[in-house]
């Protein structure tokens, strides 16, 4: 997995998370085991949860220091809540790639 950059903006991180869930939702097919849970997933809920979860690591300038916050671990912890819904490893890898 690509390492995260030294800093990430809070809005950019939340947008990357929601974007990945939107992509997984749009690309799911009825024959996929995760199709129904993904279709029922609210992207607004994902955004609100990400916004709330990562705000504690965010400065007033809306920046997250990835090393200080151990962002890779925090991202994995956040995504773990969705393990029954989708492939969280793929989402994490894609987020790392987008933010690099």
PDB file of N, CA and C in Angstrom:
ATOM      1  N   UNK A   1       0.852  -1.167   0.000  1.00  0.00           N
ATOM      2  CA  UNK A   1       0.000   0.000   0.000  1.00  0.00           C
ATOM      3  C   UNK A   1       0.901   1.234   0.000  1.00  0.00           C
ATOM      4  N   UNK A   2       0.556   2.197  -0.814  1.00  0.00           N
ATOM      5  CA  UNK A   2       1.318   3.445  -0.858  1.00  0.00           C
ATOM      6  C   UNK A   2       1.217   4.177   0.475  1.00  0.00           C
ATOM      7  N   UNK A   3       2.307   4.791   0.912  1.00  0.00           N
ATOM      8  CA  UNK A   3       2.229   5.573   2.144  1.00  0.00           C
ATOM      9  C   UNK A   3       1.421   6.853   1.907  1.00  0.00           C
ATOM     10  N   UNK A   4       0.847   7.347   2.973  1.00  0.00           N
ATOM     11  CA  UNK A   4       0.112   8.601   2.894  1.00  0.00           C
ATOM     12  C   UNK A   4       1.095   9.758   2.882  1.00  0.00           C
ATOM     13  N   UNK A   5       0.704  10.903   2.317  1.00  0.00           N
ATOM     14  CA  UNK A   5       1.583  12.081   2.361  1.00  0.00           C
ATOM     15  C   UNK A   5       1.729  12.574   3.801  1.00  0.00           C
ATOM     16  N   UNK A   6       2.654  13.475   4.035  1.00  0.00           N
ATOM     17  CA  UNK A   6       2.916  13.983   5.391  1.00  0.00           C
ATOM     18  C   UNK A   6       1.700  14.683   6.000  1.00  0.00           C
ATOM     19  N   UNK A   7       0.938  15.371   5.164  1.00  0.00           N
ATOM     20  CA  UNK A   7      -0.282  16.025   5.634  1.00  0.00           C
ATOM     21  C   UNK A   7      -1.406  15.786   4.631  1.00  0.00           C
ATOM     22  N   UNK A   8      -2.615  15.798   5.158  1.00  0.00           N
ATOM     23  CA  UNK A   8      -3.821  15.621   4.346  1.00  0.00           C
ATOM     24  C   UNK A   8      -4.846  16.611   4.862  1.00  0.00           C
ATOM     25  N   UNK A   9      -5.594  17.216   3.973  1.00  0.00           N
ATOM     26  CA  UNK A   9      -6.656  18.105   4.445  1.00  0.00           C
ATOM     27  C   UNK A   9      -7.864  17.255   4.854  1.00  0.00           C
ATOM     28  N   UNK A  10      -8.509  17.696   5.895  1.00  0.00           N
ATOM     29  CA  UNK A  10      -9.696  16.993   6.394  1.00  0.00           C
ATOM     30  C   UNK A  10     -10.766  16.849   5.302  1.00  0.00           C
ATOM     31  N   UNK A  11     -11.109  17.942   4.598  1.00  0.00           N
ATOM     32  CA  UNK A  11     -12.117  17.809   3.537  1.00  0.00           C
ATOM     33  C   UNK A  11     -11.693  16.835   2.427  1.00  0.00           C
ATOM     34  N   UNK A  12     -10.404  16.871   2.069  1.00  0.00           N
ATOM     35  CA  UNK A  12      -9.918  15.968   1.026  1.00  0.00           C
ATOM     36  C   UNK A  12     -10.047  14.508   1.459  1.00  0.00           C
ATOM     37  N   UNK A  13      -9.731  14.217   2.713  1.00  0.00           N
ATOM     38  CA  UNK A  13      -9.842  12.855   3.225  1.00  0.00           C
ATOM     39  C   UNK A  13     -11.294  12.393   3.234  1.00  0.00           C
ATOM     40  N   UNK A  14     -12.184  13.224   3.743  1.00  0.00           N
ATOM     41  CA  UNK A  14     -13.603  12.858   3.779  1.00  0.00           C
ATOM     42  C   UNK A  14     -14.163  12.655   2.369  1.00  0.00           C
ATOM     43  N   UNK A  15     -13.762  13.515   1.450  1.00  0.00           N
ATOM     44  CA  UNK A  15     -14.217  13.379   0.058  1.00  0.00           C
ATOM     45  C   UNK A  15     -13.694  12.085  -0.565  1.00  0.00           C
ATOM     46  N   UNK A  16     -12.452  11.734  -0.276  1.00  0.00           N
ATOM     47  CA  UNK A  16     -11.881  10.493  -0.819  1.00  0.00           C
ATOM     48  C   UNK A  16     -12.622   9.281  -0.269  1.00  0.00           C
ATOM     49  N   UNK A  17     -12.960   9.312   1.008  1.00  0.00           N
ATOM     50  CA  UNK A  17     -13.693   8.191   1.617  1.00  0.00           C
ATOM     51  C   UNK A  17     -15.066   8.049   0.978  1.00  0.00           C
ATOM     52  N   UNK A  18     -15.809   9.131   0.906  1.00  0.00           N
ATOM     53  CA  UNK A  18     -17.155   9.080   0.330  1.00  0.00           C
ATOM     54  C   UNK A  18     -17.086   8.689  -1.146  1.00  0.00           C
ATOM     55  N   UNK A  19     -16.087   9.221  -1.856  1.00  0.00           N
ATOM     56  CA  UNK A  19     -15.926   8.884  -3.267  1.00  0.00           C
ATOM     57  C   UNK A  19     -15.707   7.392  -3.485  1.00  0.00           C
ATOM     58  N   UNK A  20     -14.924   6.782  -2.626  1.00  0.00           N
ATOM     59  CA  UNK A  20     -14.686   5.346  -2.752  1.00  0.00           C
ATOM     60  C   UNK A  20     -15.952   4.536  -2.471  1.00  0.00           C
ATOM     61  N   UNK A  21     -16.703   4.946  -1.471  1.00  0.00           N
ATOM     62  CA  UNK A  21     -17.963   4.247  -1.196  1.00  0.00           C
ATOM     63  C   UNK A  21     -18.951   4.447  -2.333  1.00  0.00           C
ATOM     64  N   UNK A  22     -18.988   5.645  -2.902  1.00  0.00           N
ATOM     65  CA  UNK A  22     -19.874   5.899  -4.040  1.00  0.00           C
ATOM     66  C   UNK A  22     -19.484   5.025  -5.228  1.00  0.00           C
ATOM     67  N   UNK A  23     -18.178   4.900  -5.472  1.00  0.00           N
ATOM     68  CA  UNK A  23     -17.699   4.058  -6.571  1.00  0.00           C
ATOM     69  C   UNK A  23     -18.095   2.601  -6.338  1.00  0.00           C
ATOM     70  N   UNK A  24     -17.861   2.103  -5.127  1.00  0.00           N
ATOM     71  CA  UNK A  24     -18.206   0.706  -4.826  1.00  0.00           C
ATOM     72  C   UNK A  24     -19.710   0.487  -4.978  1.00  0.00           C
ATOM     73  N   UNK A  25     -20.487   1.454  -4.545  1.00  0.00           N
ATOM     74  CA  UNK A  25     -21.942   1.362  -4.643  1.00  0.00           C
ATOM     75  C   UNK A  25     -22.385   1.351  -6.108  1.00  0.00           C
ATOM     76  N   UNK A  26     -21.814   2.235  -6.907  1.00  0.00           N
ATOM     77  CA  UNK A  26     -22.192   2.329  -8.320  1.00  0.00           C
ATOM     78  C   UNK A  26     -21.750   1.104  -9.119  1.00  0.00           C
ATOM     79  N   UNK A  27     -20.636   0.523  -8.756  1.00  0.00           N
ATOM     80  CA  UNK A  27     -20.095  -0.605  -9.521  1.00  0.00           C
ATOM     81  C   UNK A  27     -20.616  -1.959  -9.054  1.00  0.00           C
ATOM     82  N   UNK A  28     -21.349  -2.006  -7.951  1.00  0.00           N
ATOM     83  CA  UNK A  28     -21.857  -3.290  -7.471  1.00  0.00           C
ATOM     84  C   UNK A  28     -22.959  -3.797  -8.398  1.00  0.00           C
ATOM     85  N   UNK A  29     -23.038  -5.084  -8.478  1.00  0.00           N
ATOM     86  CA  UNK A  29     -24.023  -5.741  -9.335  1.00  0.00           C
ATOM     87  C   UNK A  29     -24.918  -6.640  -8.492  1.00  0.00           C
ATOM     88  N   UNK A  30     -26.153  -6.888  -8.928  1.00  0.00           N
ATOM     89  CA  UNK A  30     -27.087  -7.703  -8.143  1.00  0.00           C
ATOM     90  C   UNK A  30     -26.544  -9.076  -7.743  1.00  0.00           C
ATOM     91  N   UNK A  31     -25.668  -9.628  -8.527  1.00  0.00           N
ATOM     92  CA  UNK A  31     -25.124 -10.953  -8.190  1.00  0.00           C
ATOM     93  C   UNK A  31     -24.005 -10.891  -7.138  1.00  0.00           C
ATOM     94  N   UNK A  32     -23.537  -9.697  -6.806  1.00  0.00           N
ATOM     95  CA  UNK A  32     -22.495  -9.541  -5.784  1.00  0.00           C
ATOM     96  C   UNK A  32     -23.094  -9.758  -4.391  1.00  0.00           C
ATOM     97  N   UNK A  33     -22.317 -10.384  -3.516  1.00  0.00           N
ATOM     98  CA  UNK A  33     -22.813 -10.642  -2.159  1.00  0.00           C
ATOM     99  C   UNK A  33     -23.036  -9.351  -1.378  1.00  0.00           C
ATOM    100  N   UNK A  34     -22.318  -8.303  -1.732  1.00  0.00           N
ATOM    101  CA  UNK A  34     -22.447  -7.039  -1.005  1.00  0.00           C
ATOM    102  C   UNK A  34     -23.404  -6.050  -1.689  1.00  0.00           C
ATOM    103  N   UNK A  35     -24.097  -6.501  -2.727  1.00  0.00           N
ATOM    104  CA  UNK A  35     -24.952  -5.591  -3.484  1.00  0.00           C
ATOM    105  C   UNK A  35     -26.004  -4.909  -2.606  1.00  0.00           C
ATOM    106  N   UNK A  36     -26.798  -5.685  -1.887  1.00  0.00           N
ATOM    107  CA  UNK A  36     -27.892  -5.111  -1.100  1.00  0.00           C
ATOM    108  C   UNK A  36     -27.381  -4.189   0.017  1.00  0.00           C
ATOM    109  N   UNK A  37     -26.371  -4.617   0.807  1.00  0.00           N
ATOM    110  CA  UNK A  37     -25.879  -3.688   1.838  1.00  0.00           C
ATOM    111  C   UNK A  37     -25.334  -2.382   1.255  1.00  0.00           C
ATOM    112  N   UNK A  38     -24.675  -2.456   0.105  1.00  0.00           N
ATOM    113  CA  UNK A  38     -24.156  -1.238  -0.518  1.00  0.00           C
ATOM    114  C   UNK A  38     -25.278  -0.341  -1.008  1.00  0.00           C
ATOM    115  N   UNK A  39     -26.319  -0.928  -1.571  1.00  0.00           N
ATOM    116  CA  UNK A  39     -27.434  -0.121  -2.076  1.00  0.00           C
ATOM    117  C   UNK A  39     -28.162   0.583  -0.946  1.00  0.00           C
ATOM    118  N   UNK A  40     -28.156  -0.023   0.238  1.00  0.00           N
ATOM    119  CA  UNK A  40     -28.833   0.561   1.390  1.00  0.00           C
ATOM    120  C   UNK A  40     -27.954   1.565   2.142  1.00  0.00           C
ATOM    121  N   UNK A  41     -26.686   1.614   1.801  1.00  0.00           N
ATOM    122  CA  UNK A  41     -25.743   2.491   2.491  1.00  0.00           C
ATOM    123  C   UNK A  41     -25.980   3.952   2.115  1.00  0.00           C
ATOM    124  N   UNK A  42     -26.092   4.789   3.118  1.00  0.00           N
ATOM    125  CA  UNK A  42     -26.272   6.224   2.905  1.00  0.00           C
ATOM    126  C   UNK A  42     -24.906   6.903   2.821  1.00  0.00           C
ATOM    127  N   UNK A  43     -24.623   7.529   1.690  1.00  0.00           N
ATOM    128  CA  UNK A  43     -23.361   8.248   1.535  1.00  0.00           C
ATOM    129  C   UNK A  43     -23.302   9.463   2.457  1.00  0.00           C
ATOM    130  N   UNK A  44     -24.449  10.051   2.763  1.00  0.00           N
ATOM    131  CA  UNK A  44     -24.492  11.147   3.739  1.00  0.00           C
ATOM    132  C   UNK A  44     -24.043  10.645   5.110  1.00  0.00           C
ATOM    133  N   UNK A  45     -24.485   9.454   5.465  1.00  0.00           N
ATOM    134  CA  UNK A  45     -24.093   8.859   6.748  1.00  0.00           C
ATOM    135  C   UNK A  45     -22.588   8.606   6.774  1.00  0.00           C
ATOM    136  N   UNK A  46     -22.046   8.063   5.684  1.00  0.00           N
ATOM    137  CA  UNK A  46     -20.607   7.813   5.604  1.00  0.00           C
ATOM    138  C   UNK A  46     -19.851   9.134   5.765  1.00  0.00           C
ATOM    139  N   UNK A  47     -20.292  10.175   5.074  1.00  0.00           N
ATOM    140  CA  UNK A  47     -19.630  11.471   5.189  1.00  0.00           C
ATOM    141  C   UNK A  47     -19.679  12.000   6.619  1.00  0.00           C
ATOM    142  N   UNK A  48     -20.848  11.979   7.219  1.00  0.00           N
ATOM    143  CA  UNK A  48     -20.986  12.503   8.582  1.00  0.00           C
ATOM    144  C   UNK A  48     -20.134  11.727   9.574  1.00  0.00           C
ATOM    145  N   UNK A  49     -20.080  10.417   9.415  1.00  0.00           N
ATOM    146  CA  UNK A  49     -19.255   9.599  10.303  1.00  0.00           C
ATOM    147  C   UNK A  49     -17.771   9.882  10.087  1.00  0.00           C
ATOM    148  N   UNK A  50     -17.344  10.009   8.834  1.00  0.00           N
ATOM    149  CA  UNK A  50     -15.936  10.322   8.544  1.00  0.00           C
ATOM    150  C   UNK A  50     -15.577  11.697   9.080  1.00  0.00           C
ATOM    151  N   UNK A  51     -16.440  12.664   8.845  1.00  0.00           N
ATOM    152  CA  UNK A  51     -16.202  14.022   9.322  1.00  0.00           C
ATOM    153  C   UNK A  51     -16.036  14.046  10.840  1.00  0.00           C
ATOM    154  N   UNK A  52     -16.902  13.372  11.532  1.00  0.00           N
ATOM    155  CA  UNK A  52     -16.857  13.316  12.998  1.00  0.00           C
ATOM    156  C   UNK A  52     -15.643  12.530  13.490  1.00  0.00           C
ATOM    157  N   UNK A  53     -15.342  11.411  12.848  1.00  0.00           N
ATOM    158  CA  UNK A  53     -14.243  10.548  13.284  1.00  0.00           C
ATOM    159  C   UNK A  53     -12.894  11.249  13.145  1.00  0.00           C
ATOM    160  N   UNK A  54     -12.653  11.882  12.019  1.00  0.00           N
ATOM    161  CA  UNK A  54     -11.329  12.439  11.738  1.00  0.00           C
ATOM    162  C   UNK A  54     -11.133  13.859  12.252  1.00  0.00           C
ATOM    163  N   UNK A  55     -12.194  14.482  12.759  1.00  0.00           N
ATOM    164  CA  UNK A  55     -12.063  15.863  13.232  1.00  0.00           C
ATOM    165  C   UNK A  55     -11.110  15.958  14.415  1.00  0.00           C
ATOM    166  N   UNK A  56     -11.016  14.910  15.216  1.00  0.00           N
ATOM    167  CA  UNK A  56     -10.131  14.978  16.389  1.00  0.00           C
ATOM    168  C   UNK A  56      -8.644  15.027  16.015  1.00  0.00           C
ATOM    169  N   UNK A  57      -8.326  14.665  14.793  1.00  0.00           N
ATOM    170  CA  UNK A  57      -6.938  14.682  14.322  1.00  0.00           C
ATOM    171  C   UNK A  57      -6.633  15.925  13.476  1.00  0.00           C
ATOM    172  N   UNK A  58      -7.605  16.804  13.360  1.00  0.00           N
ATOM    173  CA  UNK A  58      -7.547  17.933  12.438  1.00  0.00           C
ATOM    174  C   UNK A  58      -7.220  19.234  13.162  1.00  0.00           C
ATOM    175  N   UNK A  59      -6.307  20.006  12.583  1.00  0.00           N
ATOM    176  CA  UNK A  59      -5.971  21.318  13.136  1.00  0.00           C
ATOM    177  C   UNK A  59      -7.035  22.334  12.743  1.00  0.00           C
ATOM    178  N   UNK A  60      -6.918  23.528  13.278  1.00  0.00           N
ATOM    179  CA  UNK A  60      -7.850  24.602  12.925  1.00  0.00           C
ATOM    180  C   UNK A  60      -7.779  24.946  11.441  1.00  0.00           C
ATOM    181  N   UNK A  61      -6.641  24.664  10.823  1.00  0.00           N
ATOM    182  CA  UNK A  61      -6.458  24.930   9.387  1.00  0.00           C
ATOM    183  C   UNK A  61      -6.979  23.779   8.527  1.00  0.00           C
ATOM    184  N   UNK A  62      -7.670  22.814   9.147  1.00  0.00           N
ATOM    185  CA  UNK A  62      -8.251  21.647   8.484  1.00  0.00           C
ATOM    186  C   UNK A  62      -7.206  20.692   7.911  1.00  0.00           C
ATOM    187  N   UNK A  63      -6.039  20.620   8.568  1.00  0.00           N
ATOM    188  CA  UNK A  63      -4.949  19.749   8.131  1.00  0.00           C
ATOM    189  C   UNK A  63      -4.764  18.617   9.141  1.00  0.00           C
ATOM    190  N   UNK A  64      -4.464  17.429   8.627  1.00  0.00           N
ATOM    191  CA  UNK A  64      -4.165  16.280   9.471  1.00  0.00           C
ATOM    192  C   UNK A  64      -2.711  15.894   9.228  1.00  0.00           C
ATOM    193  N   UNK A  65      -1.930  15.837  10.280  1.00  0.00           N
ATOM    194  CA  UNK A  65      -0.554  15.352  10.213  1.00  0.00           C
ATOM    195  C   UNK A  65      -0.640  13.826  10.249  1.00  0.00           C
ATOM    196  N   UNK A  66      -0.261  13.185   9.160  1.00  0.00           N
ATOM    197  CA  UNK A  66      -0.483  11.742   9.046  1.00  0.00           C
ATOM    198  C   UNK A  66       0.349  10.919  10.022  1.00  0.00           C
ATOM    199  N   UNK A  67       1.568  11.351  10.308  1.00  0.00           N
ATOM    200  CA  UNK A  67       2.390  10.604  11.257  1.00  0.00           C
ATOM    201  C   UNK A  67       1.903  10.801  12.685  1.00  0.00           C
ATOM    202  N   UNK A  68       1.687  12.039  13.056  1.00  0.00           N
ATOM    203  CA  UNK A  68       1.267  12.341  14.419  1.00  0.00           C
ATOM    204  C   UNK A  68      -0.053  11.658  14.757  1.00  0.00           C
ATOM    205  N   UNK A  69      -0.961  11.608  13.817  1.00  0.00           N
ATOM    206  CA  UNK A  69      -2.274  11.003  14.053  1.00  0.00           C
ATOM    207  C   UNK A  69      -2.304   9.511  13.763  1.00  0.00           C
ATOM    208  N   UNK A  70      -1.214   8.985  13.188  1.00  0.00           N
ATOM    209  CA  UNK A  70      -1.164   7.584  12.742  1.00  0.00           C
ATOM    210  C   UNK A  70      -2.364   7.323  11.825  1.00  0.00           C
ATOM    211  N   UNK A  71      -2.475   8.184  10.823  1.00  0.00           N
ATOM    212  CA  UNK A  71      -3.658   8.227   9.970  1.00  0.00           C
ATOM    213  C   UNK A  71      -3.955   6.906   9.266  1.00  0.00           C
ATOM    214  N   UNK A  72      -2.936   6.181   8.848  1.00  0.00           N
ATOM    215  CA  UNK A  72      -3.187   4.905   8.173  1.00  0.00           C
ATOM    216  C   UNK A  72      -3.939   3.948   9.099  1.00  0.00           C
ATOM    217  N   UNK A  73      -3.537   3.911  10.354  1.00  0.00           N
ATOM    218  CA  UNK A  73      -4.196   3.051  11.341  1.00  0.00           C
ATOM    219  C   UNK A  73      -5.600   3.573  11.639  1.00  0.00           C
ATOM    220  N   UNK A  74      -5.737   4.884  11.770  1.00  0.00           N
ATOM    221  CA  UNK A  74      -7.046   5.480  12.044  1.00  0.00           C
ATOM    222  C   UNK A  74      -8.018   5.242  10.877  1.00  0.00           C
ATOM    223  N   UNK A  75      -7.506   5.342   9.665  1.00  0.00           N
ATOM    224  CA  UNK A  75      -8.337   5.083   8.487  1.00  0.00           C
ATOM    225  C   UNK A  75      -8.817   3.637   8.482  1.00  0.00           C
ATOM    226  N   UNK A  76      -7.923   2.709   8.772  1.00  0.00           N
ATOM    227  CA  UNK A  76      -8.290   1.287   8.843  1.00  0.00           C
ATOM    228  C   UNK A  76      -9.349   1.070   9.927  1.00  0.00           C
ATOM    229  N   UNK A  77      -9.180   1.725  11.073  1.00  0.00           N
ATOM    230  CA  UNK A  77     -10.153   1.597  12.158  1.00  0.00           C
ATOM    231  C   UNK A  77     -11.521   2.137  11.740  1.00  0.00           C
ATOM    232  N   UNK A  78     -11.516   3.274  11.048  1.00  0.00           N
ATOM    233  CA  UNK A  78     -12.781   3.845  10.579  1.00  0.00           C
ATOM    234  C   UNK A  78     -13.467   2.899   9.592  1.00  0.00           C
ATOM    235  N   UNK A  79     -12.703   2.402   8.634  1.00  0.00           N
ATOM    236  CA  UNK A  79     -13.282   1.542   7.604  1.00  0.00           C
ATOM    237  C   UNK A  79     -13.756   0.203   8.153  1.00  0.00           C
ATOM    238  N   UNK A  80     -13.162  -0.241   9.247  1.00  0.00           N
ATOM    239  CA  UNK A  80     -13.528  -1.537   9.825  1.00  0.00           C
ATOM    240  C   UNK A  80     -15.025  -1.612  10.149  1.00  0.00           C
ATOM    241  N   UNK A  81     -15.633  -0.501  10.444  1.00  0.00           N
ATOM    242  CA  UNK A  81     -17.073  -0.481  10.728  1.00  0.00           C
ATOM    243  C   UNK A  81     -17.894  -0.931   9.522  1.00  0.00           C
ATOM    244  N   UNK A  82     -17.283  -0.903   8.342  1.00  0.00           N
ATOM    245  CA  UNK A  82     -17.987  -1.259   7.098  1.00  0.00           C
ATOM    246  C   UNK A  82     -17.534  -2.603   6.529  1.00  0.00           C
ATOM    247  N   UNK A  83     -16.895  -3.417   7.341  1.00  0.00           N
ATOM    248  CA  UNK A  83     -16.348  -4.684   6.854  1.00  0.00           C
ATOM    249  C   UNK A  83     -17.437  -5.622   6.326  1.00  0.00           C
ATOM    250  N   UNK A  84     -18.635  -5.521   6.872  1.00  0.00           N
ATOM    251  CA  UNK A  84     -19.732  -6.372   6.408  1.00  0.00           C
ATOM    252  C   UNK A  84     -20.417  -5.822   5.158  1.00  0.00           C
ATOM    253  N   UNK A  85     -20.048  -4.608   4.765  1.00  0.00           N
ATOM    254  CA  UNK A  85     -20.704  -3.950   3.640  1.00  0.00           C
ATOM    255  C   UNK A  85     -19.885  -4.057   2.358  1.00  0.00           C
ATOM    256  N   UNK A  86     -18.560  -3.943   2.466  1.00  0.00           N
ATOM    257  CA  UNK A  86     -17.739  -3.878   1.265  1.00  0.00           C
ATOM    258  C   UNK A  86     -16.302  -4.289   1.549  1.00  0.00           C
ATOM    259  N   UNK A  87     -15.482  -4.269   0.531  1.00  0.00           N
ATOM    260  CA  UNK A  87     -14.071  -4.625   0.641  1.00  0.00           C
ATOM    261  C   UNK A  87     -13.297  -3.412   1.170  1.00  0.00           C
ATOM    262  N   UNK A  88     -13.085  -3.381   2.463  1.00  0.00           N
ATOM    263  CA  UNK A  88     -12.451  -2.212   3.073  1.00  0.00           C
ATOM    264  C   UNK A  88     -10.967  -2.102   2.731  1.00  0.00           C
ATOM    265  N   UNK A  89     -10.316  -3.206   2.436  1.00  0.00           N
ATOM    266  CA  UNK A  89      -8.902  -3.162   2.044  1.00  0.00           C
ATOM    267  C   UNK A  89      -8.768  -2.445   0.697  1.00  0.00           C
ATOM    268  N   UNK A  90      -9.639  -2.768  -0.241  1.00  0.00           N
ATOM    269  CA  UNK A  90      -9.611  -2.102  -1.552  1.00  0.00           C
ATOM    270  C   UNK A  90      -9.878  -0.610  -1.396  1.00  0.00           C
ATOM    271  N   UNK A  91     -10.833  -0.263  -0.543  1.00  0.00           N
ATOM    272  CA  UNK A  91     -11.134   1.153  -0.322  1.00  0.00           C
ATOM    273  C   UNK A  91      -9.931   1.854   0.287  1.00  0.00           C
ATOM    274  N   UNK A  92      -9.299   1.229   1.279  1.00  0.00           N
ATOM    275  CA  UNK A  92      -8.137   1.846   1.916  1.00  0.00           C
ATOM    276  C   UNK A  92      -7.002   2.041   0.916  1.00  0.00           C
ATOM    277  N   UNK A  93      -6.742   1.040   0.097  1.00  0.00           N
ATOM    278  CA  UNK A  93      -5.680   1.165  -0.913  1.00  0.00           C
ATOM    279  C   UNK A  93      -5.987   2.292  -1.886  1.00  0.00           C
ATOM    280  N   UNK A  94      -7.224   2.397  -2.320  1.00  0.00           N
ATOM    281  CA  UNK A  94      -7.607   3.454  -3.257  1.00  0.00           C
ATOM    282  C   UNK A  94      -7.483   4.833  -2.624  1.00  0.00           C
ATOM    283  N   UNK A  95      -7.836   4.950  -1.359  1.00  0.00           N
ATOM    284  CA  UNK A  95      -7.702   6.237  -0.672  1.00  0.00           C
ATOM    285  C   UNK A  95      -6.229   6.609  -0.551  1.00  0.00           C
ATOM    286  N   UNK A  96      -5.397   5.653  -0.184  1.00  0.00           N
ATOM    287  CA  UNK A  96      -3.945   5.921  -0.116  1.00  0.00           C
ATOM    288  C   UNK A  96      -3.439   6.399  -1.469  1.00  0.00           C
ATOM    289  N   UNK A  97      -3.867   5.738  -2.541  1.00  0.00           N
ATOM    290  CA  UNK A  97      -3.422   6.121  -3.885  1.00  0.00           C
ATOM    291  C   UNK A  97      -3.905   7.518  -4.271  1.00  0.00           C
ATOM    292  N   UNK A  98      -5.125   7.867  -3.922  1.00  0.00           N
ATOM    293  CA  UNK A  98      -5.662   9.183  -4.269  1.00  0.00           C
ATOM    294  C   UNK A  98      -4.977  10.308  -3.511  1.00  0.00           C
ATOM    295  N   UNK A  99      -4.594  10.038  -2.281  1.00  0.00           N
ATOM    296  CA  UNK A  99      -4.027  11.087  -1.443  1.00  0.00           C
ATOM    297  C   UNK A  99      -2.526  11.266  -1.609  1.00  0.00           C
ATOM    298  N   UNK A 100      -1.867  10.341  -2.285  1.00  0.00           N
ATOM    299  CA  UNK A 100      -0.399  10.429  -2.386  1.00  0.00           C
ATOM    300  C   UNK A 100       0.057  11.598  -3.229  1.00  0.00           C
TER     301      UNK A 100
END
